[in-house]
Each structure stands twice: as structure tokens, then as C-alpha cells.
Amino acid sequence: MLAKLYKKVRFLGKFHPSPYFLLYKKLGFFPRKLVFYQEALRHRSVPAVNGIRQNNERLEFLGDAILGAVISDIVFHRFKKREEGFLSNIRSKIVQRKMLNRIAVNMGLDKLIVSSLSTSTHNQYICGNALEALIGAIYMDRGYNRCKNFIETKIVKPYLNLELLASKEVNFKSRLIEWGQKKRVGITFDLVKSFKDKEHNQMFQTRIRISDIEVGIGVGYSKKESQQKAAKTALKKIHSKNFIDALAKANYS
């Protein structure tokens, strides 16, 4: 079997950058069904062929779920004495679009993605999305165990320092709620709206009020991310003299 796959990348006694060889370098194994990987690396901006539009969005959906499950398994066993909130925050840090995009670029996936977008208009998360789609392709081609091995050896081990992430873990929402409990003031997290950005990614906007005073607005690719960003802004604001005066006035009224 391996000899047959090598023949596909050898021509006139030399190796050429065929899809099989390029994917082997990224994955650590040869794909069985190349079509899944081709789809995983095809952005939605690519025009339809013969009226059939194929892009990586479905595989991205699948890969996102599998990545979340594998990372949950990893952090669950790595941090055996930590509570659910800590584990959820570490997982969120790892699977966030910014982190996945950075890892995908470091892996060189940006060189393999097929897209009709110009460099200047590239969705900043196109590579991270493709990485999730690639995980979906591995699952379809080789199953869960191969996926888990790929995530552990090609993503976590070379690009993620879990201990460092844990040491820097900050839950802005929890810190804000704890502050509110100590001060005995009401804090509300309101989902202002959900919308699509110019690349059709789902976005969420959260507003935080303390005693009916707006203290933070956050926008993110999930409700949790938007809440964290809004809480981070609020934590900076609550110690300002203007806010303290406004809060005293609101409570006095």
C-alpha cells in the first residue's frame, strides 16, 4: 500500500509537490480519500464548478466539534485537580479562532488553501477555519483515533504550552461577578445582537450594565467570547473616578 502511494508522488526519479506528498508532510500519513482534504482546503470564495459549489464549511463544522472533544479530553486528564470552569476556559483559549489561525499559519496551511480572495481581503480566520476543516477531513478519512493523534502530535505538542496557558488564565467575567458580589451591586450581561461579518461569520455583541450604567461592550465569534471582552472592558472602567461617582449617584437615587 505504501509503495503505491509513493509512486503517486514520484515522477522521473524525483519527488514533486503532489497533493499526496504535501499532505503527508503536514499530516504525518498519506490520505486514503484525497477528495476530503481537497474540500477542506477549498474556501467558499472559490466559484462553483458545473453548478456544484463545494467548500470547507461542512467539514469545518465537523472538525470544530471533534477538536473541542479532543481538547476537552486532553485538558481533563492534564489538569486532574482543576474545576470545570478552569477547564472550560483553557479549552476556549485553545479553540478560539485567533489561536487556531496562528497555529494553521505556522503549520503552513496558508500555502495550501484554495481561495479567490486577494491577500488584502483575506478573512483573518480563513486559515484557522481550514485547520478545523482539515480535522474534519481526517475524521472522515481515518476516523476519531487518527484525528486525536493528529491533534496531539501536530497541534498541541509543537504549538501549545498548556502549563503556560494555565498560568495566564484569566476569567474576566468571573472576576467582574466576584467584584459585584463584594460591592453588592447588580451586574447584567445582555446580548445586544447577533450578526454576520463581511465574511459571513456569526458574530455576537454583549453589553454589560452595573446598576443600569453601561460599563462594557464586547464583540466575539461566540456569546462567551463577547462576554469576556465586555467584562475585560468593564474591569478597566469600574475603578475610574467617573464610574465611582456615577455608581454612587445611581445608588443614592
Foldseek 3Di string as FASTA:
>chain_A
DVVVLVVVQDDPRDGDPDVQVVVCLLQVDGFPDCVLLLQLQEDQQDDADPPHGGHLPVLLVVLLVLLLVLLLVVLCVVCVPDDPVLSVQLSCVCLFLVNLLVLQVVSVSVVVHDHPDDPVPDDSRSSSSSVSSNLSSCCVGPNSVSSSVRCVPNPPVPPNDSVVCSVPDDQLLVVLVVVCVVVVWDKDKDWPDWDADPSGQIKTKIWMDTLNHTQFIAMGSDSSRRSSRRSVSNVVRCPDPVNVVVVVVSVVD
